[in-house]
Amino acid sequence: MKRYCLLLDLVDDPDLIREYEEYHKKIWPEVIRSMTDAGVESMEIYRYGSRMAMVMEVNETFSFSRQMQINTENETVQEWEKLMWKYQQAIPGCKPGEKWVLAEKIFSSTNFLNK
C-alpha cells in the first residue's frame, strides 16, 4: 500500500473554514464512491490555520491519472469540486487551476526503526 500527502490552502476566512469543515462531516456518497473506485483505501485531512494536509493510503490500482479520469466522468464529483473551490485556494507557486499538490516525503521513521 502506498501513502501520499497532498497540500492545499483554504481561503483565510473563519466562516468559510467552518462551512468547509461542515461539508466534510457529510461528504456526498458519490464522492466517497469515486475515491474507492480510484483505489483510495483511506483518506484523512488535517488543518492548521488555513493550510490543509491530506494523507491518502491507496492500493495497487491507484494512479493520479486514473483518479482524475474517474472524477471527470462523474457529474456529482464535478459539482462537489466546483463547490469546494469556494473555500479552497492554491498554494503559492501552483500551476493555474491546480488544487491539491503532492508533498515530497523527506523523512520516514521506518528507515530507522526497522533496522
N, C-alpha and C. Protein backbone atom coordinates (compact mmCIF):
# COMPACT_ATOMS: atom_id res chain seq x y z
N MET A 1 0.84 -1.17 0.00
CA MET A 1 0.00 0.00 0.00
C MET A 1 0.90 1.24 0.00
N LYS A 2 0.54 2.22 -0.82
CA LYS A 2 1.28 3.48 -0.89
C LYS A 2 0.54 4.55 -0.11
N ARG A 3 1.30 5.53 0.34
CA ARG A 3 0.74 6.67 1.06
C ARG A 3 1.22 7.95 0.39
N TYR A 4 0.29 8.89 0.23
CA TYR A 4 0.61 10.19 -0.35
C TYR A 4 0.12 11.28 0.59
N CYS A 5 0.85 12.39 0.60
CA CYS A 5 0.43 13.58 1.34
C CYS A 5 0.32 14.72 0.34
N LEU A 6 -0.83 15.38 0.35
CA LEU A 6 -1.08 16.50 -0.55
C LEU A 6 -1.44 17.72 0.27
N LEU A 7 -1.11 18.90 -0.25
CA LEU A 7 -1.31 20.15 0.47
C LEU A 7 -2.21 21.10 -0.32
N LEU A 8 -2.92 21.93 0.42
CA LEU A 8 -3.83 22.91 -0.16
C LEU A 8 -4.08 23.98 0.88
N ASP A 9 -4.40 25.18 0.43
CA ASP A 9 -4.79 26.24 1.35
C ASP A 9 -6.29 26.49 1.24
N LEU A 10 -6.87 26.90 2.35
CA LEU A 10 -8.24 27.37 2.35
C LEU A 10 -8.23 28.89 2.31
N VAL A 11 -9.32 29.47 1.84
CA VAL A 11 -9.48 30.91 1.94
C VAL A 11 -9.45 31.24 3.43
N ASP A 12 -8.64 32.21 3.81
CA ASP A 12 -8.42 32.50 5.22
C ASP A 12 -9.57 33.34 5.78
N ASP A 13 -10.71 32.66 5.96
CA ASP A 13 -11.92 33.29 6.48
C ASP A 13 -12.57 32.29 7.43
N PRO A 14 -12.66 32.61 8.73
CA PRO A 14 -13.18 31.65 9.72
C PRO A 14 -14.56 31.09 9.37
N ASP A 15 -15.45 31.92 8.83
CA ASP A 15 -16.79 31.43 8.47
C ASP A 15 -16.72 30.42 7.33
N LEU A 16 -15.91 30.71 6.32
CA LEU A 16 -15.77 29.78 5.20
C LEU A 16 -15.09 28.49 5.64
N ILE A 17 -14.12 28.58 6.52
CA ILE A 17 -13.44 27.38 7.02
C ILE A 17 -14.43 26.52 7.79
N ARG A 18 -15.29 27.14 8.59
CA ARG A 18 -16.33 26.38 9.32
C ARG A 18 -17.26 25.66 8.35
N GLU A 19 -17.70 26.37 7.31
CA GLU A 19 -18.58 25.77 6.30
C GLU A 19 -17.88 24.59 5.63
N TYR A 20 -16.63 24.77 5.27
CA TYR A 20 -15.85 23.72 4.63
C TYR A 20 -15.80 22.47 5.51
N GLU A 21 -15.53 22.67 6.78
CA GLU A 21 -15.46 21.54 7.70
C GLU A 21 -16.83 20.87 7.86
N GLU A 22 -17.90 21.65 7.84
CA GLU A 22 -19.25 21.07 7.91
C GLU A 22 -19.52 20.17 6.71
N TYR A 23 -19.14 20.62 5.52
CA TYR A 23 -19.31 19.78 4.33
C TYR A 23 -18.56 18.46 4.48
N HIS A 24 -17.40 18.50 5.12
CA HIS A 24 -16.59 17.30 5.25
C HIS A 24 -17.08 16.37 6.36
N LYS A 25 -18.07 16.78 7.10
CA LYS A 25 -18.73 15.88 8.05
C LYS A 25 -19.80 15.06 7.35
N LYS A 26 -20.19 15.49 6.14
CA LYS A 26 -21.26 14.82 5.38
C LYS A 26 -20.86 14.75 3.91
N ILE A 27 -19.72 14.15 3.64
CA ILE A 27 -19.27 14.07 2.25
C ILE A 27 -20.28 13.27 1.44
N TRP A 28 -20.56 13.76 0.25
CA TRP A 28 -21.55 13.12 -0.61
C TRP A 28 -21.13 11.69 -0.94
N PRO A 29 -22.06 10.75 -0.90
CA PRO A 29 -21.73 9.34 -1.17
C PRO A 29 -21.05 9.11 -2.52
N GLU A 30 -21.42 9.87 -3.53
CA GLU A 30 -20.81 9.72 -4.86
C GLU A 30 -19.33 10.08 -4.82
N VAL A 31 -18.97 11.04 -3.98
CA VAL A 31 -17.57 11.44 -3.85
C VAL A 31 -16.77 10.31 -3.19
N ILE A 32 -17.34 9.72 -2.15
CA ILE A 32 -16.68 8.58 -1.49
C ILE A 32 -16.54 7.41 -2.46
N ARG A 33 -17.59 7.13 -3.19
CA ARG A 33 -17.56 6.02 -4.16
C ARG A 33 -16.50 6.26 -5.23
N SER A 34 -16.38 7.50 -5.69
CA SER A 34 -15.37 7.84 -6.69
C SER A 34 -13.96 7.59 -6.15
N MET A 35 -13.75 7.95 -4.88
CA MET A 35 -12.43 7.72 -4.27
C MET A 35 -12.12 6.23 -4.20
N THR A 36 -13.08 5.44 -3.72
CA THR A 36 -12.83 4.00 -3.58
C THR A 36 -12.67 3.34 -4.95
N ASP A 37 -13.45 3.81 -5.94
CA ASP A 37 -13.29 3.27 -7.30
C ASP A 37 -11.91 3.55 -7.86
N ALA A 38 -11.30 4.65 -7.43
CA ALA A 38 -9.97 5.02 -7.91
C ALA A 38 -8.85 4.27 -7.18
N GLY A 39 -9.20 3.56 -6.09
CA GLY A 39 -8.20 2.79 -5.36
C GLY A 39 -7.77 3.42 -4.05
N VAL A 40 -8.49 4.44 -3.59
CA VAL A 40 -8.16 5.05 -2.29
C VAL A 40 -8.73 4.15 -1.20
N GLU A 41 -7.86 3.69 -0.32
CA GLU A 41 -8.26 2.82 0.78
C GLU A 41 -8.64 3.63 2.02
N SER A 42 -7.92 4.71 2.25
CA SER A 42 -8.26 5.61 3.36
C SER A 42 -7.74 7.00 3.05
N MET A 43 -8.41 7.98 3.65
CA MET A 43 -8.03 9.37 3.45
C MET A 43 -8.30 10.14 4.74
N GLU A 44 -7.36 10.98 5.12
CA GLU A 44 -7.53 11.86 6.26
C GLU A 44 -7.12 13.26 5.82
N ILE A 45 -7.82 14.27 6.33
CA ILE A 45 -7.46 15.65 6.06
C ILE A 45 -7.22 16.34 7.39
N TYR A 46 -6.10 17.05 7.47
CA TYR A 46 -5.73 17.79 8.66
C TYR A 46 -5.66 19.27 8.29
N ARG A 47 -5.91 20.13 9.28
CA ARG A 47 -5.86 21.56 9.05
C ARG A 47 -5.07 22.25 10.14
N TYR A 48 -4.25 23.18 9.74
CA TYR A 48 -3.59 24.10 10.65
C TYR A 48 -3.80 25.50 10.08
N GLY A 49 -4.59 26.31 10.77
CA GLY A 49 -4.94 27.62 10.22
C GLY A 49 -5.69 27.40 8.92
N SER A 50 -5.17 27.94 7.84
CA SER A 50 -5.81 27.75 6.54
C SER A 50 -5.06 26.74 5.67
N ARG A 51 -4.01 26.12 6.20
CA ARG A 51 -3.25 25.11 5.44
C ARG A 51 -3.84 23.73 5.69
N MET A 52 -4.03 22.99 4.62
CA MET A 52 -4.59 21.64 4.69
C MET A 52 -3.54 20.62 4.28
N ALA A 53 -3.59 19.46 4.92
CA ALA A 53 -2.76 18.32 4.53
C ALA A 53 -3.68 17.12 4.42
N MET A 54 -3.66 16.47 3.27
CA MET A 54 -4.46 15.27 3.04
C MET A 54 -3.51 14.08 2.93
N VAL A 55 -3.78 13.04 3.70
CA VAL A 55 -3.00 11.82 3.66
C VAL A 55 -3.89 10.73 3.08
N MET A 56 -3.42 10.14 1.98
CA MET A 56 -4.18 9.07 1.31
C MET A 56 -3.36 7.79 1.33
N GLU A 57 -4.01 6.70 1.68
CA GLU A 57 -3.42 5.39 1.50
C GLU A 57 -4.17 4.74 0.35
N VAL A 58 -3.41 4.24 -0.62
CA VAL A 58 -4.01 3.74 -1.85
C VAL A 58 -3.53 2.33 -2.14
N ASN A 59 -4.36 1.59 -2.89
CA ASN A 59 -3.97 0.23 -3.27
C ASN A 59 -3.24 0.25 -4.61
N GLU A 60 -2.91 -0.93 -5.10
CA GLU A 60 -2.09 -1.05 -6.31
C GLU A 60 -2.82 -0.59 -7.58
N THR A 61 -4.14 -0.44 -7.54
CA THR A 61 -4.87 0.01 -8.73
C THR A 61 -4.87 1.53 -8.88
N PHE A 62 -4.42 2.25 -7.85
CA PHE A 62 -4.50 3.70 -7.84
C PHE A 62 -3.43 4.34 -8.71
N SER A 63 -3.83 5.39 -9.43
CA SER A 63 -2.91 6.34 -10.05
C SER A 63 -3.64 7.68 -10.07
N PHE A 64 -2.87 8.76 -10.04
CA PHE A 64 -3.50 10.07 -10.05
C PHE A 64 -4.25 10.31 -11.36
N SER A 65 -3.73 9.80 -12.46
CA SER A 65 -4.42 9.98 -13.74
C SER A 65 -5.72 9.19 -13.77
N ARG A 66 -5.72 7.99 -13.20
CA ARG A 66 -6.96 7.20 -13.12
C ARG A 66 -7.99 7.90 -12.23
N GLN A 67 -7.54 8.43 -11.10
CA GLN A 67 -8.44 9.16 -10.21
C GLN A 67 -9.04 10.37 -10.93
N MET A 68 -8.22 11.10 -11.67
CA MET A 68 -8.71 12.27 -12.39
C MET A 68 -9.75 11.86 -13.44
N GLN A 69 -9.50 10.77 -14.13
CA GLN A 69 -10.44 10.31 -15.14
C GLN A 69 -11.78 9.93 -14.51
N ILE A 70 -11.74 9.18 -13.41
CA ILE A 70 -12.96 8.78 -12.71
C ILE A 70 -13.72 10.00 -12.22
N ASN A 71 -13.01 10.95 -11.65
CA ASN A 71 -13.65 12.17 -11.15
C ASN A 71 -14.25 13.00 -12.28
N THR A 72 -13.54 13.11 -13.38
CA THR A 72 -14.01 13.90 -14.52
C THR A 72 -15.28 13.32 -15.12
N GLU A 73 -15.41 12.00 -15.10
CA GLU A 73 -16.57 11.34 -15.69
C GLU A 73 -17.79 11.35 -14.78
N ASN A 74 -17.65 11.83 -13.55
CA ASN A 74 -18.74 11.81 -12.59
C ASN A 74 -19.25 13.24 -12.35
N GLU A 75 -20.46 13.53 -12.83
CA GLU A 75 -21.01 14.88 -12.73
C GLU A 75 -21.17 15.34 -11.28
N THR A 76 -21.52 14.42 -10.39
CA THR A 76 -21.70 14.80 -8.98
C THR A 76 -20.36 15.17 -8.35
N VAL A 77 -19.32 14.44 -8.68
CA VAL A 77 -17.99 14.77 -8.17
C VAL A 77 -17.56 16.14 -8.72
N GLN A 78 -17.86 16.41 -9.98
CA GLN A 78 -17.53 17.70 -10.56
C GLN A 78 -18.27 18.83 -9.85
N GLU A 79 -19.53 18.57 -9.48
CA GLU A 79 -20.31 19.56 -8.73
C GLU A 79 -19.67 19.80 -7.36
N TRP A 80 -19.25 18.72 -6.68
CA TRP A 80 -18.57 18.83 -5.38
C TRP A 80 -17.29 19.66 -5.52
N GLU A 81 -16.49 19.34 -6.53
CA GLU A 81 -15.22 20.05 -6.72
C GLU A 81 -15.46 21.53 -6.99
N LYS A 82 -16.46 21.84 -7.78
CA LYS A 82 -16.79 23.24 -8.06
C LYS A 82 -17.21 23.95 -6.77
N LEU A 83 -18.01 23.29 -5.96
CA LEU A 83 -18.44 23.85 -4.68
C LEU A 83 -17.24 24.07 -3.75
N MET A 84 -16.31 23.13 -3.71
CA MET A 84 -15.15 23.23 -2.81
C MET A 84 -14.23 24.39 -3.18
N TRP A 85 -14.21 24.80 -4.46
CA TRP A 85 -13.36 25.92 -4.86
C TRP A 85 -13.77 27.21 -4.17
N LYS A 86 -14.99 27.29 -3.68
CA LYS A 86 -15.43 28.46 -2.92
C LYS A 86 -14.56 28.63 -1.67
N TYR A 87 -14.08 27.54 -1.14
CA TYR A 87 -13.34 27.52 0.13
C TYR A 87 -11.84 27.35 -0.06
N GLN A 88 -11.44 26.82 -1.18
CA GLN A 88 -10.04 26.45 -1.40
C GLN A 88 -9.32 27.48 -2.25
N GLN A 89 -8.01 27.53 -2.05
CA GLN A 89 -7.16 28.32 -2.93
C GLN A 89 -5.83 27.58 -3.08
N ALA A 90 -5.25 27.75 -4.21
CA ALA A 90 -4.00 27.05 -4.49
C ALA A 90 -2.87 27.59 -3.62
N ILE A 91 -1.95 26.73 -3.31
CA ILE A 91 -0.74 27.13 -2.59
C ILE A 91 0.11 27.97 -3.54
N PRO A 92 0.75 29.03 -3.04
CA PRO A 92 1.60 29.85 -3.92
C PRO A 92 2.59 28.98 -4.69
N GLY A 93 2.71 29.28 -5.97
CA GLY A 93 3.63 28.54 -6.82
C GLY A 93 2.98 27.42 -7.62
N CYS A 94 1.69 27.17 -7.37
CA CYS A 94 0.98 26.13 -8.11
C CYS A 94 0.68 26.59 -9.53
N LYS A 95 0.44 25.62 -10.39
CA LYS A 95 0.01 25.91 -11.75
C LYS A 95 -1.44 26.40 -11.71
N PRO A 96 -1.85 27.21 -12.68
CA PRO A 96 -3.25 27.67 -12.71
C PRO A 96 -4.23 26.50 -12.70
N GLY A 97 -5.25 26.59 -11.84
CA GLY A 97 -6.26 25.54 -11.75
C GLY A 97 -5.85 24.35 -10.91
N GLU A 98 -4.61 24.28 -10.47
CA GLU A 98 -4.12 23.16 -9.67
C GLU A 98 -4.62 23.31 -8.24
N LYS A 99 -5.11 22.22 -7.68
CA LYS A 99 -5.63 22.24 -6.32
C LYS A 99 -4.62 21.59 -5.38
N TRP A 100 -4.94 20.39 -4.98
CA TRP A 100 -4.08 19.67 -4.06
C TRP A 100 -2.73 19.40 -4.72
N VAL A 101 -1.65 19.67 -4.01
CA VAL A 101 -0.30 19.49 -4.53
C VAL A 101 0.40 18.41 -3.73
N LEU A 102 1.04 17.51 -4.43
CA LEU A 102 1.75 16.41 -3.80
C LEU A 102 2.97 16.93 -3.04
N ALA A 103 3.05 16.56 -1.76
CA ALA A 103 4.19 16.94 -0.93
C ALA A 103 5.30 15.90 -1.11
N GLU A 104 6.51 16.35 -1.00
CA GLU A 104 7.66 15.45 -1.12
C GLU A 104 8.01 14.90 0.26
N LYS A 105 8.08 13.57 0.36
CA LYS A 105 8.45 12.95 1.63
C LYS A 105 9.96 13.08 1.81
N ILE A 106 10.35 13.63 2.95
CA ILE A 106 11.78 13.83 3.22
C ILE A 106 12.27 13.00 4.40
N PHE A 107 11.35 12.35 5.13
CA PHE A 107 11.74 11.55 6.28
C PHE A 107 10.72 10.47 6.52
N SER A 108 11.19 9.30 6.93
CA SER A 108 10.34 8.21 7.35
C SER A 108 11.02 7.48 8.50
N SER A 109 10.34 7.37 9.62
CA SER A 109 10.92 6.71 10.78
C SER A 109 11.19 5.23 10.49
N THR A 110 10.44 4.63 9.58
CA THR A 110 10.65 3.21 9.29
C THR A 110 12.06 2.94 8.76
N ASN A 111 12.69 3.96 8.19
CA ASN A 111 14.08 3.79 7.72
C ASN A 111 15.03 3.57 8.89
N PHE A 112 14.63 3.97 10.08
CA PHE A 112 15.49 3.88 11.25
C PHE A 112 15.00 2.85 12.27
N LEU A 113 13.67 2.77 12.44
CA LEU A 113 13.11 1.92 13.48
C LEU A 113 13.12 0.45 13.14
N ASN A 114 13.10 0.11 11.88
CA ASN A 114 13.01 -1.31 11.48
C ASN A 114 14.37 -1.92 11.20
N LYS A 115 15.43 -1.28 11.66
CA LYS A 115 16.78 -1.82 11.40
C LYS A 115 17.36 -2.39 12.66
